Protein backbone atom coordinates (compact mmCIF):
# COMPACT_ATOMS: atom_id res chain seq x y z
CA MET A 1 37.93 11.52 -12.65
CA ARG A 2 36.02 8.68 -14.33
CA THR A 3 32.29 9.30 -14.44
CA LYS A 4 29.33 7.50 -15.95
CA LYS A 5 25.71 8.46 -16.52
CA PHE A 6 22.91 6.18 -15.27
CA THR A 7 19.16 6.39 -15.67
CA ILE A 8 17.09 4.87 -12.87
CA LEU A 9 13.35 4.45 -13.46
CA HIS A 10 11.26 3.56 -10.42
CA SER A 11 7.69 2.59 -9.52
CA ASN A 12 5.95 1.70 -6.26
CA ASP A 13 2.49 0.64 -5.10
CA MET A 14 1.40 -0.49 -8.55
CA HIS A 15 -1.41 -2.56 -6.98
CA GLY A 16 -2.34 -4.45 -10.10
CA ASP A 17 -3.01 -1.22 -12.03
CA PHE A 18 -2.63 -3.01 -15.33
CA LEU A 19 -4.89 -1.25 -17.81
CA ALA A 20 -4.91 2.29 -19.19
CA GLU A 21 -7.89 4.55 -18.51
CA VAL A 22 -9.44 7.32 -20.60
CA ARG A 23 -9.41 10.61 -18.69
CA GLY A 24 -9.63 14.34 -19.21
CA GLY A 25 -11.60 16.45 -21.63
CA GLU A 26 -9.51 15.27 -24.57
CA GLY A 27 -10.07 11.60 -23.70
CA LYS A 28 -6.38 10.74 -23.42
CA LEU A 29 -5.21 7.29 -22.39
CA ILE A 30 -3.49 7.51 -19.00
CA GLY A 31 -1.42 4.90 -17.20
CA GLY A 32 -1.51 1.15 -17.58
CA LEU A 33 1.34 -1.29 -17.97
CA ALA A 34 1.34 -1.26 -21.78
CA LEU A 35 2.07 2.48 -21.83
CA LEU A 36 4.52 2.17 -18.93
CA SER A 37 6.31 -0.70 -20.66
CA GLY A 38 6.40 1.34 -23.89
CA TYR A 39 8.12 4.19 -22.04
CA ILE A 40 10.57 1.87 -20.29
CA ASN A 41 11.41 0.24 -23.64
CA LYS A 42 11.93 3.70 -25.17
CA VAL A 43 14.31 4.78 -22.40
CA ARG A 44 16.21 1.50 -22.63
CA ARG A 45 16.71 2.14 -26.34
CA GLU A 46 17.74 5.78 -25.92
CA GLU A 47 20.01 5.54 -22.86
CA GLU A 48 23.02 3.30 -22.33
CA ASN A 49 22.78 2.42 -18.64
CA VAL A 50 19.18 2.02 -17.53
CA LEU A 51 17.86 0.39 -14.36
CA TYR A 52 14.19 -0.13 -13.51
CA VAL A 53 13.27 -0.81 -9.87
CA ILE A 54 10.02 -1.32 -7.93
CA SER A 55 9.64 -0.43 -4.25
CA GLY A 56 6.97 -2.88 -3.16
CA ASP A 57 3.25 -3.59 -3.52
CA MET A 58 3.22 -4.96 -7.03
CA VAL A 59 0.23 -7.13 -6.05
CA GLN A 60 -3.29 -6.63 -4.67
CA GLY A 61 -5.78 -3.99 -5.70
CA SER A 62 -7.16 -5.43 -8.94
CA LEU A 63 -9.52 -8.29 -9.64
CA ILE A 64 -7.00 -9.83 -12.04
CA ASP A 65 -4.44 -10.00 -9.24
CA SER A 66 -6.78 -11.35 -6.57
CA GLU A 67 -8.33 -13.94 -8.90
CA TYR A 68 -4.90 -15.39 -9.68
CA LYS A 69 -3.44 -14.65 -6.21
CA GLY A 70 -0.56 -12.61 -7.60
CA ILE A 71 0.56 -15.20 -10.14
CA SER A 72 -0.72 -13.07 -13.03
CA THR A 73 1.09 -10.05 -11.60
CA ILE A 74 4.44 -11.80 -11.36
CA GLU A 75 4.07 -13.13 -14.91
CA ILE A 76 3.36 -9.60 -16.13
CA MET A 77 6.24 -8.20 -14.06
CA ASN A 78 8.53 -10.76 -15.67
CA TYR A 79 7.57 -9.15 -18.98
CA LEU A 80 8.45 -5.68 -17.62
CA ALA A 81 11.77 -7.16 -16.42
CA PRO A 82 12.62 -4.91 -13.46
CA ASP A 83 16.26 -5.09 -12.39
CA VAL A 84 15.43 -5.36 -8.69
CA VAL A 85 12.35 -5.20 -6.45
CA CYS A 86 11.77 -4.92 -2.71
CA LEU A 87 8.88 -6.33 -0.68
CA GLY A 88 5.82 -4.30 0.24
CA ASN A 89 3.20 -5.22 2.79
CA HIS A 90 0.72 -6.46 0.18
CA GLU A 91 3.19 -9.04 -1.11
CA PHE A 92 2.23 -10.95 2.07
CA ASP A 93 -1.55 -10.77 1.51
CA TYR A 94 -1.85 -14.31 0.14
CA GLY A 95 0.24 -15.80 2.94
CA LEU A 96 3.92 -16.42 3.50
CA PRO A 97 4.11 -19.81 1.68
CA HIS A 98 2.49 -18.25 -1.38
CA LEU A 99 4.89 -15.30 -1.29
CA LEU A 100 7.82 -17.72 -1.38
CA PHE A 101 6.18 -19.43 -4.37
CA LEU A 102 5.78 -16.07 -6.14
CA GLU A 103 9.41 -15.24 -5.41
CA LYS A 104 10.46 -18.45 -7.17
CA MET A 105 8.33 -17.45 -10.18
CA ALA A 106 10.01 -14.07 -10.47
CA ASN A 107 12.76 -13.65 -13.05
CA PHE A 108 14.13 -10.70 -11.06
CA PRO A 109 15.71 -10.42 -7.61
CA ILE A 110 13.47 -9.50 -4.66
CA VAL A 111 15.59 -8.05 -1.87
CA ASN A 112 14.93 -7.65 1.84
CA ALA A 113 17.52 -7.36 4.58
CA ASN A 114 15.48 -7.39 7.78
CA LEU A 115 13.00 -10.27 7.71
CA TYR A 116 14.24 -13.37 9.51
CA ILE A 117 13.23 -16.99 10.10
CA LYS A 118 13.61 -16.54 13.82
CA GLN A 119 14.22 -20.17 14.81
CA TYR A 120 17.38 -20.23 12.70
CA ASN A 121 18.22 -16.51 12.69
CA LYS A 122 18.40 -16.62 8.89
CA ARG A 123 17.11 -13.99 6.51
CA LEU A 124 13.93 -14.91 4.70
CA MET A 125 14.78 -13.24 1.40
CA LEU A 126 17.82 -12.31 -0.65
CA PRO A 127 19.31 -9.48 1.48
CA TYR A 128 21.08 -7.58 -1.29
CA VAL A 129 22.13 -7.69 -4.91
CA ILE A 130 25.07 -6.06 -6.69
CA LEU A 131 24.42 -5.16 -10.32
CA ASN A 132 27.24 -4.28 -12.69
CA LYS A 133 26.50 -1.63 -15.28
CA ALA A 134 29.20 -0.25 -17.58
CA GLY A 135 31.92 -1.43 -15.20
CA PHE A 136 30.27 0.25 -12.19
CA ASP A 137 28.97 -1.84 -9.28
CA ILE A 138 25.61 -0.79 -7.81
CA LEU A 139 24.46 -2.31 -4.52
CA PHE A 140 20.72 -2.63 -3.77
CA THR A 141 19.19 -3.68 -0.48
CA GLY A 142 15.64 -3.41 0.85
CA ILE A 143 13.73 -3.09 4.11
CA ILE A 144 10.20 -3.10 5.46
CA THR A 145 9.21 -2.10 9.02
CA GLU A 146 6.66 -2.78 11.72
CA LYS A 147 4.32 -0.04 10.46
CA VAL A 148 3.41 -2.14 7.43
CA MET A 149 4.07 -5.69 8.60
CA ASP A 150 0.68 -6.37 10.18
CA SER A 151 -0.20 -9.29 7.89
CA LEU A 152 2.68 -11.33 9.35
CA LYS A 153 1.89 -10.78 13.03
CA GLN A 154 0.12 -14.12 13.29
CA ASP A 155 3.00 -16.06 11.71
CA GLU A 156 5.20 -17.26 14.53
CA LEU A 157 7.93 -18.55 12.22
CA ILE A 158 8.88 -15.09 11.09
CA SER A 159 10.62 -12.47 13.08
CA SER A 160 12.12 -9.23 11.96
CA PHE A 161 14.22 -6.32 13.01
CA VAL A 162 11.35 -4.06 12.21
CA THR A 163 11.70 -0.81 14.11
CA LEU A 164 13.41 1.95 12.17
CA GLU A 165 16.40 1.74 14.49
CA GLU A 166 16.73 -2.02 13.98
CA ALA A 167 16.18 -1.70 10.24
CA SER A 168 18.91 0.93 10.02
CA ARG A 169 21.32 -1.43 11.76
CA GLU A 170 20.47 -4.17 9.25
CA VAL A 171 21.29 -1.76 6.43
CA GLY A 172 24.59 -1.13 8.22
CA LYS A 173 25.28 -4.87 8.36
CA ILE A 174 24.81 -5.21 4.60
CA THR A 175 26.88 -2.17 3.68
CA ASN A 176 29.65 -3.00 6.17
CA ALA A 177 29.92 -6.52 4.79
CA TYR A 178 29.56 -5.87 1.09
CA LYS A 179 30.20 -2.21 0.36
CA ASN A 180 33.86 -2.41 -0.58
CA ASP A 181 35.90 0.05 -2.61
CA ASP A 182 34.41 -1.31 -5.82
CA ILE A 183 30.82 -0.35 -4.94
CA ASP A 184 30.14 2.86 -6.82
CA LEU A 185 26.51 3.48 -5.87
CA THR A 186 24.31 2.21 -3.01
CA ILE A 187 20.52 2.34 -3.27
CA LEU A 188 18.08 1.42 -0.51
CA LEU A 189 14.60 0.30 -1.61
CA THR A 190 12.02 0.75 1.14
CA HIS A 191 8.32 0.29 1.69
CA ILE A 192 7.71 2.21 4.90
CA GLY A 193 6.21 5.58 3.88
CA PHE A 194 7.85 8.89 3.02
CA GLU A 195 7.96 10.34 6.54
CA SER A 196 9.56 7.14 7.80
CA ASP A 197 12.08 7.32 4.95
CA LEU A 198 13.15 10.75 6.20
CA GLU A 199 13.48 9.43 9.74
CA LEU A 200 15.40 6.38 8.56
CA ALA A 201 17.83 8.53 6.58
CA ARG A 202 18.69 10.41 9.76
CA LEU A 203 19.63 7.09 11.40
CA LEU A 204 21.98 5.91 8.64
CA ARG A 205 25.67 6.53 9.24
CA PRO A 206 27.44 8.43 6.45
CA GLU A 207 30.16 5.76 6.40
CA TRP A 208 27.60 3.25 5.14
CA GLY A 209 27.43 5.22 1.90
CA ILE A 210 23.71 5.13 1.11
CA ASP A 211 23.24 7.43 -1.88
CA ILE A 212 19.52 7.09 -2.66
CA ILE A 213 16.37 5.87 -0.89
CA ILE A 214 13.57 4.93 -3.28
CA GLY A 215 10.42 4.35 -1.24
CA GLY A 216 6.77 3.38 -1.29
CA HIS A 217 3.67 2.74 0.83
CA SER A 218 2.50 6.31 1.50
CA HIS A 219 1.68 6.98 -2.19
CA THR A 220 3.54 10.28 -1.97
CA ILE A 221 3.74 12.58 -4.98
CA LEU A 222 6.87 14.78 -4.99
CA LYS A 223 7.99 17.74 -7.05
CA GLU A 224 11.62 17.01 -6.24
CA PRO A 225 13.55 14.56 -4.07
CA ALA A 226 14.04 15.30 -0.40
CA ILE A 227 17.61 15.35 0.88
CA GLU A 228 18.21 14.09 4.41
CA ASN A 229 21.62 13.32 5.89
CA GLY A 230 23.07 13.68 2.39
CA ILE A 231 20.73 10.99 0.99
CA LEU A 232 18.35 11.60 -1.92
CA ILE A 233 14.84 10.35 -1.04
CA THR A 234 12.01 9.91 -3.52
CA GLN A 235 8.79 8.07 -4.31
CA ALA A 236 6.46 7.86 -7.33
CA GLY A 237 2.90 8.12 -6.04
CA VAL A 238 0.68 5.10 -6.68
CA GLY A 239 -0.33 2.95 -9.63
CA THR A 240 1.02 3.22 -13.16
CA ASP A 241 -0.07 6.76 -14.02
CA GLN A 242 3.48 7.99 -13.48
CA VAL A 243 7.05 6.74 -13.09
CA GLY A 244 10.02 8.30 -11.32
CA ARG A 245 13.18 9.00 -13.29
CA PHE A 246 16.68 9.74 -12.02
CA ASP A 247 19.41 10.78 -14.45
CA ILE A 248 22.61 10.73 -12.43
CA ILE A 249 26.34 11.08 -12.96
CA VAL A 250 28.42 8.82 -10.73
CA ASP A 251 32.11 9.37 -9.98
CA ASP A 252 34.10 6.12 -9.89
CA ASP A 253 36.90 7.65 -7.79
CA THR A 254 34.71 8.97 -4.96
CA ASN A 255 31.84 6.47 -5.33
CA SER A 256 29.38 9.34 -5.21
CA ILE A 257 26.71 11.13 -7.24
CA VAL A 258 28.21 14.33 -8.64
CA GLU A 259 25.17 15.43 -10.62
CA TYR A 260 21.51 14.40 -10.75
CA LYS A 261 18.16 15.28 -12.27
CA TRP A 262 14.88 13.75 -11.08
CA GLN A 263 11.47 13.90 -12.73
CA LEU A 264 8.05 12.39 -12.09
CA ILE A 265 7.02 11.38 -15.61
CA PRO A 266 3.26 11.24 -16.38
CA ILE A 267 2.48 8.09 -18.33
CA ASP A 268 0.13 8.80 -21.23
CA GLU A 269 -0.27 7.97 -24.89
CA ASN A 270 1.80 10.99 -25.98
CA LEU A 271 4.87 9.74 -24.14
CA ALA A 272 5.61 6.51 -25.99
CA GLU A 273 4.05 3.86 -28.18
CA PRO A 274 2.22 1.33 -25.99
CA ASP A 275 3.67 -2.15 -25.74
CA HIS A 276 0.96 -3.97 -27.69
CA ARG A 277 2.34 -7.45 -26.99
CA LEU A 278 2.12 -6.84 -23.26
CA GLU A 279 -1.35 -5.33 -23.70
CA LYS A 280 -2.48 -8.45 -25.53
CA TYR A 281 -1.00 -10.65 -22.81
CA ILE A 282 -2.82 -8.74 -20.06
CA TYR A 283 -6.11 -9.08 -21.91
CA THR A 284 -5.81 -12.88 -21.81
CA PHE A 285 -6.33 -12.53 -18.05
CA GLN A 286 -8.91 -9.74 -18.42
CA GLU A 287 -11.14 -11.74 -20.76
CA GLU A 288 -11.35 -14.57 -18.23
CA ILE A 289 -12.27 -12.09 -15.50
CA ASP A 290 -14.91 -10.45 -17.68
CA ARG A 291 -16.59 -13.76 -18.45
CA LYS A 292 -16.77 -14.65 -14.77
CA TYR A 293 -17.58 -11.35 -13.06
CA ASN A 294 -19.50 -9.04 -15.42
CA THR A 295 -22.89 -9.81 -13.86
CA ILE A 296 -24.87 -6.76 -12.65
CA ILE A 297 -25.46 -6.55 -8.88
CA CYS A 298 -27.25 -3.24 -8.41
CA LYS A 299 -27.57 0.37 -9.43
CA PHE A 300 -26.90 3.35 -7.17
CA ALA A 301 -28.90 6.57 -7.34
CA GLN A 302 -25.62 8.30 -8.19
CA PRO A 303 -21.87 7.49 -8.19
CA LEU A 304 -20.41 7.16 -4.69
CA THR A 305 -16.87 8.32 -4.02
CA HIS A 306 -13.93 7.52 -1.76
CA PRO A 307 -11.35 10.20 -2.65
CA ALA A 308 -9.24 9.97 0.51
CA ARG A 309 -8.92 7.37 3.24
CA GLU A 310 -8.31 10.03 5.92
CA ALA A 311 -11.83 11.50 5.65
CA GLU A 312 -15.45 10.36 5.79
CA THR A 313 -16.64 9.41 2.29
CA SER A 314 -19.99 8.59 0.71
CA LEU A 315 -18.81 5.14 -0.43
CA GLY A 316 -17.26 4.43 2.96
CA ASN A 317 -20.53 5.38 4.66
CA LEU A 318 -22.48 2.95 2.48
CA ILE A 319 -20.17 0.05 3.25
CA ALA A 320 -20.09 0.79 6.98
CA ASP A 321 -23.90 1.04 7.07
CA ALA A 322 -24.26 -2.27 5.20
CA PHE A 323 -22.01 -4.11 7.66
CA ALA A 324 -23.64 -2.42 10.68
CA GLU A 325 -27.11 -3.49 9.54
CA VAL A 326 -26.05 -7.13 9.17
CA ALA A 327 -24.11 -7.10 12.45
CA GLY A 328 -26.79 -5.27 14.41
CA CYS A 329 -24.06 -3.32 16.18
CA ASP A 330 -23.81 0.12 17.71
CA VAL A 331 -20.44 0.89 16.13
CA MET A 332 -19.00 -0.40 12.85
CA LEU A 333 -15.40 0.40 11.96
CA VAL A 334 -14.42 -0.30 8.35
CA GLY A 335 -10.76 0.11 7.41
CA SER A 336 -10.62 2.91 4.83
CA GLY A 337 -7.77 1.11 3.09
CA SER A 338 -10.11 -1.85 2.44
CA ILE A 339 -11.89 0.34 -0.11
CA ARG A 340 -9.62 0.35 -3.15
CA VAL A 341 -11.42 2.61 -5.64
CA LYS A 342 -12.11 6.34 -5.66
CA GLU A 343 -15.56 5.93 -7.23
CA LEU A 344 -18.19 3.20 -7.58
CA GLY A 345 -21.44 3.19 -9.57
CA PRO A 346 -23.99 4.10 -10.55
CA LEU A 347 -24.07 0.65 -12.21
CA VAL A 348 -22.27 -1.94 -10.09
CA THR A 349 -21.13 -5.31 -11.43
CA LEU A 350 -19.65 -8.12 -9.37
CA ARG A 351 -16.32 -7.21 -10.92
CA ASP A 352 -16.72 -3.59 -9.77
CA LEU A 353 -17.57 -4.70 -6.25
CA LEU A 354 -14.64 -7.08 -5.88
CA THR A 355 -12.27 -4.47 -7.31
CA CYS A 356 -13.63 -1.95 -4.83
CA PHE A 357 -13.46 -4.30 -1.83
CA PRO A 358 -10.90 -7.03 -2.61
CA TYR A 359 -10.17 -8.16 0.95
CA ASP A 360 -12.45 -10.94 2.13
CA ASP A 361 -12.43 -11.22 5.92
CA VAL A 362 -14.50 -12.16 8.95
CA LEU A 363 -16.77 -9.72 10.77
CA THR A 364 -16.81 -10.11 14.54
CA LYS A 365 -18.84 -8.24 17.17
CA TYR A 366 -17.41 -7.35 20.58
CA THR A 367 -18.82 -5.64 23.67
CA VAL A 368 -16.79 -2.71 25.01
CA GLU A 369 -17.33 -0.01 27.59
CA GLY A 370 -17.68 3.66 26.75
CA THR A 371 -14.19 4.43 28.05
CA GLN A 372 -12.75 1.90 25.61
CA LEU A 373 -14.81 3.31 22.75
CA LYS A 374 -13.54 6.83 23.47
CA LYS A 375 -9.99 5.48 23.61
CA ILE A 376 -10.41 3.91 20.16
CA PHE A 377 -11.83 7.06 18.54
CA SER A 378 -9.16 9.21 20.19
CA HIS A 379 -6.53 6.96 18.60
CA ILE A 380 -7.93 6.63 15.09
CA MET A 381 -8.87 10.33 14.74
CA ARG A 382 -5.62 11.77 16.11
CA THR A 383 -3.85 14.27 13.87
CA GLU A 384 -0.68 12.25 13.34
CA ASN A 385 -2.71 9.26 12.12
CA ARG A 386 -4.01 11.29 9.16
CA ASN A 387 -0.67 11.45 7.34
CA SER A 388 -1.33 8.89 4.55
CA GLU A 389 0.61 6.28 6.55
CA GLY A 390 -1.88 5.75 9.39
CA GLU A 391 -4.87 3.38 9.49
CA CYS A 392 -8.12 5.34 9.18
CA TYR A 393 -11.74 4.22 9.35
CA GLN A 394 -15.23 4.72 7.98
CA VAL A 395 -18.12 4.50 10.47
CA ASN A 396 -21.86 3.74 10.43
CA ASN A 397 -24.62 6.33 10.57
CA GLN A 398 -25.26 5.95 14.33
CA ILE A 399 -21.91 7.61 15.08
CA ARG A 400 -21.03 11.26 15.56
CA ALA A 401 -17.44 11.93 16.60
CA VAL A 402 -15.68 15.28 16.89
CA TYR A 403 -11.92 15.64 17.27
CA SER A 404 -10.13 18.91 18.03
CA ASP A 405 -6.85 19.21 16.13
CA GLU A 406 -6.01 22.27 18.19
CA GLN A 407 -6.51 20.49 21.53
CA HIS A 408 -5.31 17.11 20.19
CA GLU A 409 -8.23 15.30 21.78
CA LEU A 410 -11.63 13.76 21.17
CA VAL A 411 -14.20 16.33 22.32
CA TYR A 412 -17.47 14.54 21.51
CA LEU A 413 -18.67 11.01 20.76
CA SER A 414 -22.27 9.86 20.48
CA VAL A 415 -24.02 6.61 19.52
CA ASN A 416 -27.65 6.65 18.38
CA GLY A 417 -27.92 10.33 19.25
CA GLU A 418 -26.78 9.95 22.85
CA GLU A 419 -23.35 10.91 24.15
CA VAL A 420 -21.24 7.90 25.04
CA LYS A 421 -21.15 7.15 28.78
CA ASP A 422 -17.97 5.75 30.28
CA ASN A 423 -19.47 2.75 32.11
CA GLU A 424 -22.12 1.72 29.58
CA ASP A 425 -21.67 -1.20 27.19
CA TYR A 426 -21.62 -0.81 23.41
CA SER A 427 -21.39 -3.37 20.63
CA LEU A 428 -18.43 -2.87 18.27
CA CYS A 429 -17.94 -4.74 14.99
CA LEU A 430 -14.52 -5.15 13.33
CA GLN A 431 -12.92 -6.88 10.37
CA GLY A 432 -10.61 -9.69 11.46
CA PHE A 433 -7.51 -7.90 10.19
CA HIS A 434 -8.19 -4.96 12.47
CA PHE A 435 -8.74 -7.14 15.53
CA ASN A 436 -5.44 -8.89 14.81
CA ASN A 437 -3.72 -5.50 14.72
CA SER A 438 -5.85 -3.74 17.31
CA LYS A 439 -2.98 -2.43 19.42
CA SER A 440 -1.33 -0.46 16.64
CA TYR A 441 -4.47 0.39 14.63
CA LEU A 442 -7.05 1.05 17.36
CA GLY A 443 -4.85 1.86 20.35
CA ILE A 444 -6.45 -0.95 22.34
CA SER A 445 -5.21 -4.50 22.98
CA GLN A 446 -6.99 -7.71 22.01
CA GLU A 447 -7.27 -8.52 25.73
CA GLU A 448 -9.18 -5.27 26.29
CA LEU A 449 -11.53 -6.02 23.40
CA LEU A 450 -12.22 -9.46 24.87
CA ARG A 451 -12.53 -8.31 28.49
CA SER A 452 -16.31 -8.57 28.58
CA GLY A 453 -16.20 -12.16 27.35
CA LYS A 454 -18.80 -11.34 24.70
CA ARG A 455 -17.62 -12.04 21.17
CA ARG A 456 -19.63 -13.31 18.21
CA VAL A 457 -18.61 -13.98 14.61
CA VAL A 458 -21.20 -12.18 12.48
CA SER A 459 -19.96 -13.39 9.11
CA THR A 460 -17.00 -15.28 7.69
CA SER A 461 -17.13 -13.27 4.43
CA THR A 462 -17.28 -9.47 4.24
CA GLN A 463 -17.49 -9.70 0.45
CA GLY A 464 -20.47 -12.05 0.68
CA VAL A 465 -22.27 -9.75 3.10
CA LEU A 466 -21.69 -6.71 0.90
CA GLU A 467 -22.78 -8.49 -2.27
CA GLU A 468 -26.05 -9.69 -0.72
CA TYR A 469 -26.76 -6.27 0.78
CA LEU A 470 -26.33 -4.51 -2.57
CA ARG A 471 -28.38 -7.08 -4.48
CA ASN A 472 -31.29 -6.47 -2.11
CA ASN A 473 -31.02 -2.67 -1.94
CA GLN A 474 -31.41 -1.00 -5.32
CA ASN A 475 -31.04 2.73 -6.05
CA ILE A 476 -29.10 3.34 -2.84
CA ASN A 477 -27.91 6.84 -2.10
CA SER A 478 -25.28 7.82 0.42
CA LYS A 479 -23.58 11.07 1.29
CA VAL A 480 -21.08 12.58 3.69
CA GLU A 481 -23.03 13.49 6.84
CA GLY A 482 -20.51 14.70 9.38
CA ARG A 483 -20.05 11.37 11.12
CA LEU A 484 -16.37 12.18 11.64
CA VAL A 485 -15.62 15.85 12.21
CA TYR A 486 -12.20 17.44 12.64
CA GLN A 487 -12.15 20.92 14.15
């Protein structure tokens, strides 16, 4: 039996989390790419056969990234030198042509097996890569599915086999074509969420030989890998505060893992010496951002928080109220995922605001009947939507909605203190992204939203609206009020 030890480090959903932060009573430096790079460098020095992989969403979430439209991120990732990366949904945020430009910038392979240019039935990206380490061949492929592909729905050039069943068949195509006797280890990089990873693993045939699924999207923190259908499944939370680490022994005769250890490694200053050259490089971008965006917009009465997207939050309430006031609408739905920080204030700079709310979009007002409004709230408040993979919302202060988890139904909905009536009309304001994906996110089609024929664009810039609102409303306070209640 010929065996070899490999160390696989993995990140996901880094979201432009470039800089370390001081946290805890002892004021320790936590996270940031300089500390992460220092640890990766240390492991590469200490171990013989090291691979570093990223399971999607390198971009979006920081002002540095959005200012340079991902170019800064790819340059910094080139410094980290991952061995292979798969696409996440946010890699598409700046548009498909720009993604293809970023892919050309990357000094590392970006794999995806199930996105196609439909007119020619050709894959959009590199479908797989085989890396040779110490005489062992390791096959990587990647997938993304319909649950996270909303940003491409308006692009008619691109098609994809995006259900889990179709994605599993695409994995089968790759392994059937390229997984010969010389492939010692097969790793699937995904960006579909942990629960979907478990479901996908159940669909993969044992003959295809998938050994490990390394995932992303749901920001899941694990104590140990899950095992489904004989496949190890793991994920490493979100950002750069931690990194996943597999130490595995692979048998060349059976092409299988005979021994493994997995850890979620906290990244802090006690772990390794920070990579000061990378830190200096990142600060060349940061200094430019600071010069441009460090102007003060307003001051809150106290810090406002957004600890979880599945629940009503004080920061979410403020933003929903601001948009509702400008729109003059009965109901404002703000995507919780649009709010990218856990805390804002009390002092708020333009940089803070754009980091908090990086997605500029249109605001549009529609007229819907009460039955449609109840349908929407029933969909967005349902239990299975609150699993860290669903799309949740913050609402304005005119709304009171109560959902029974026990009965699995909406039991109460009021607007302006009056219970919603089925045949009455109500004005509903949405971000453009959520209208484009209304069927999956709101449980209602675009045709239903447009049925009344009443539609008005309120603003072409959500960021502009929010900035002006905050500049003109000093010492704001906001709190959780029971707008969304789960029984």
